Amino acid sequence: MMLHIHFRCPCCHGSQYRTSHFDVSAQNPFGAKCIFCKSPMVTLDNITTQNRAVQISGQISR
C-alpha cells in the first residue's frame, strides 16, 4: 500500500517542498516547507478548509 500526500503552499501556491525533522511542529506535522518562499506547506484537504474560511469572512465583511 502506498500513501501519497499532496502538499500546496498557501502563499505562492507552489507544490515543491523539502522536509526536515527540525521543521516538525503542531501546525506542520510533516515538516514540509516550500522551496520557493519557505512557508509551511499544507495538505490539500486543509486548503479547502482555508478557502471556505476566507470566503465566509469575505461575505461577512460586505
N, C-alpha and C. Protein backbone atom coordinates (compact mmCIF):
# COMPACT_ATOMS: atom_id res chain seq x y z
N MET A 1 0.85 -1.18 0.00
CA MET A 1 0.00 0.00 0.00
C MET A 1 0.89 1.24 0.00
N MET A 2 0.60 2.15 -0.90
CA MET A 2 1.35 3.39 -0.98
C MET A 2 0.47 4.55 -0.56
N LEU A 3 1.03 5.42 0.24
CA LEU A 3 0.31 6.59 0.71
C LEU A 3 0.92 7.82 0.05
N HIS A 4 0.11 8.58 -0.66
CA HIS A 4 0.57 9.80 -1.31
C HIS A 4 -0.10 10.99 -0.64
N ILE A 5 0.71 11.92 -0.16
CA ILE A 5 0.21 13.14 0.45
C ILE A 5 0.59 14.28 -0.47
N HIS A 6 -0.38 15.06 -0.87
CA HIS A 6 -0.13 16.19 -1.76
C HIS A 6 -0.13 17.47 -0.94
N PHE A 7 0.95 18.22 -1.07
CA PHE A 7 1.10 19.48 -0.36
C PHE A 7 0.95 20.64 -1.33
N ARG A 8 0.51 21.78 -0.80
CA ARG A 8 0.40 23.00 -1.58
C ARG A 8 0.79 24.15 -0.65
N CYS A 9 1.53 25.11 -1.19
CA CYS A 9 1.94 26.27 -0.41
C CYS A 9 0.77 27.26 -0.33
N PRO A 10 0.40 27.70 0.86
CA PRO A 10 -0.71 28.65 0.98
C PRO A 10 -0.34 30.06 0.51
N CYS A 11 0.96 30.36 0.41
CA CYS A 11 1.38 31.71 0.00
C CYS A 11 1.57 31.82 -1.51
N CYS A 12 2.45 30.98 -2.07
CA CYS A 12 2.76 31.11 -3.50
C CYS A 12 2.10 30.02 -4.35
N HIS A 13 1.37 29.12 -3.72
CA HIS A 13 0.64 28.03 -4.38
C HIS A 13 1.56 27.03 -5.09
N GLY A 14 2.83 27.01 -4.69
CA GLY A 14 3.76 26.04 -5.24
C GLY A 14 3.51 24.66 -4.68
N SER A 15 4.05 23.65 -5.33
CA SER A 15 3.87 22.29 -4.85
C SER A 15 5.21 21.59 -4.62
N GLN A 16 6.31 22.32 -4.70
CA GLN A 16 7.62 21.72 -4.45
C GLN A 16 8.05 22.07 -3.03
N TYR A 17 8.52 21.07 -2.32
CA TYR A 17 8.83 21.26 -0.91
C TYR A 17 10.00 20.40 -0.50
N ARG A 18 10.51 20.69 0.68
CA ARG A 18 11.51 19.86 1.32
C ARG A 18 11.00 19.55 2.72
N THR A 19 11.46 18.44 3.26
CA THR A 19 11.05 18.07 4.61
C THR A 19 12.27 18.05 5.50
N SER A 20 12.05 18.35 6.76
CA SER A 20 13.11 18.33 7.75
C SER A 20 12.51 18.01 9.10
N HIS A 21 13.19 17.20 9.87
CA HIS A 21 12.67 16.90 11.20
C HIS A 21 12.80 18.11 12.12
N PHE A 22 13.60 19.11 11.75
CA PHE A 22 13.70 20.33 12.53
C PHE A 22 12.48 21.23 12.35
N ASP A 23 11.74 21.07 11.27
CA ASP A 23 10.57 21.90 10.98
C ASP A 23 9.26 21.28 11.44
N VAL A 24 9.30 20.13 12.09
CA VAL A 24 8.07 19.48 12.55
C VAL A 24 7.51 20.25 13.74
N SER A 25 6.22 20.55 13.66
CA SER A 25 5.52 21.25 14.74
C SER A 25 4.06 20.81 14.73
N ALA A 26 3.27 21.36 15.64
CA ALA A 26 1.85 21.02 15.68
C ALA A 26 1.14 21.51 14.42
N GLN A 27 1.54 22.68 13.90
CA GLN A 27 0.92 23.22 12.69
C GLN A 27 1.50 22.57 11.43
N ASN A 28 2.70 22.01 11.51
CA ASN A 28 3.37 21.40 10.36
C ASN A 28 3.86 20.00 10.76
N PRO A 29 2.95 19.04 10.89
CA PRO A 29 3.34 17.72 11.42
C PRO A 29 4.26 16.92 10.50
N PHE A 30 4.33 17.26 9.21
CA PHE A 30 5.20 16.54 8.30
C PHE A 30 6.55 17.23 8.13
N GLY A 31 6.68 18.45 8.61
CA GLY A 31 7.92 19.20 8.48
C GLY A 31 8.21 19.64 7.06
N ALA A 32 7.17 19.86 6.27
CA ALA A 32 7.33 20.24 4.85
C ALA A 32 7.30 21.75 4.71
N LYS A 33 8.32 22.30 3.99
CA LYS A 33 8.38 23.73 3.72
C LYS A 33 8.55 23.95 2.23
N CYS A 34 7.93 25.02 1.73
CA CYS A 34 8.02 25.40 0.33
C CYS A 34 9.46 25.75 -0.02
N ILE A 35 9.95 25.28 -1.16
CA ILE A 35 11.33 25.60 -1.55
C ILE A 35 11.45 27.01 -2.09
N PHE A 36 10.33 27.65 -2.44
CA PHE A 36 10.37 28.99 -3.02
C PHE A 36 10.29 30.08 -1.95
N CYS A 37 9.27 30.01 -1.09
CA CYS A 37 9.07 31.09 -0.12
C CYS A 37 9.26 30.65 1.33
N LYS A 38 9.60 29.39 1.55
CA LYS A 38 9.91 28.84 2.88
C LYS A 38 8.71 28.83 3.84
N SER A 39 7.51 28.87 3.31
CA SER A 39 6.31 28.79 4.13
C SER A 39 6.00 27.33 4.43
N PRO A 40 5.40 27.05 5.58
CA PRO A 40 4.98 25.67 5.86
C PRO A 40 3.91 25.23 4.87
N MET A 41 4.06 24.04 4.34
CA MET A 41 3.11 23.51 3.37
C MET A 41 1.88 22.97 4.09
N VAL A 42 0.76 22.98 3.39
CA VAL A 42 -0.48 22.41 3.91
C VAL A 42 -0.95 21.32 2.96
N THR A 43 -1.70 20.38 3.48
CA THR A 43 -2.26 19.32 2.65
C THR A 43 -3.48 19.87 1.92
N LEU A 44 -3.87 19.20 0.85
CA LEU A 44 -4.97 19.70 0.02
C LEU A 44 -6.28 19.78 0.78
N ASP A 45 -6.52 18.89 1.73
CA ASP A 45 -7.76 18.96 2.49
C ASP A 45 -7.78 20.20 3.38
N ASN A 46 -6.63 20.68 3.83
CA ASN A 46 -6.58 21.91 4.62
C ASN A 46 -6.75 23.14 3.76
N ILE A 47 -6.38 23.08 2.50
CA ILE A 47 -6.54 24.23 1.60
C ILE A 47 -8.03 24.51 1.39
N THR A 48 -8.83 23.49 1.21
CA THR A 48 -10.26 23.72 1.02
C THR A 48 -10.88 24.32 2.27
N THR A 49 -10.41 23.91 3.43
CA THR A 49 -10.91 24.48 4.68
C THR A 49 -10.53 25.94 4.78
N GLN A 50 -9.29 26.29 4.41
CA GLN A 50 -8.84 27.67 4.45
C GLN A 50 -9.62 28.52 3.45
N ASN A 51 -9.87 28.00 2.25
CA ASN A 51 -10.61 28.75 1.24
C ASN A 51 -12.03 29.03 1.70
N ARG A 52 -12.66 28.07 2.35
CA ARG A 52 -14.01 28.28 2.86
C ARG A 52 -14.02 29.37 3.93
N ALA A 53 -13.02 29.37 4.80
CA ALA A 53 -12.94 30.38 5.85
C ALA A 53 -12.76 31.76 5.25
N VAL A 54 -11.96 31.88 4.20
CA VAL A 54 -11.75 33.17 3.54
C VAL A 54 -13.04 33.62 2.86
N GLN A 55 -13.75 32.71 2.20
CA GLN A 55 -14.99 33.07 1.55
C GLN A 55 -16.04 33.52 2.56
N ILE A 56 -16.12 32.82 3.66
CA ILE A 56 -17.11 33.18 4.69
C ILE A 56 -16.77 34.54 5.29
N SER A 57 -15.48 34.78 5.60
CA SER A 57 -15.10 36.08 6.18
C SER A 57 -15.32 37.21 5.18
N GLY A 58 -15.15 36.93 3.89
CA GLY A 58 -15.41 37.94 2.86
C GLY A 58 -16.87 38.29 2.77
N GLN A 59 -17.74 37.31 2.96
CA GLN A 59 -19.18 37.55 2.91
C GLN A 59 -19.64 38.33 4.12
N ILE A 60 -19.01 38.09 5.26
CA ILE A 60 -19.39 38.78 6.49
C ILE A 60 -19.00 40.25 6.41
N SER A 61 -17.86 40.56 5.81
CA SER A 61 -17.38 41.93 5.78
C SER A 61 -18.11 42.81 4.78
N ARG A 62 -18.86 42.21 3.87
CA ARG A 62 -19.57 43.01 2.85
C ARG A 62 -20.78 43.67 3.39
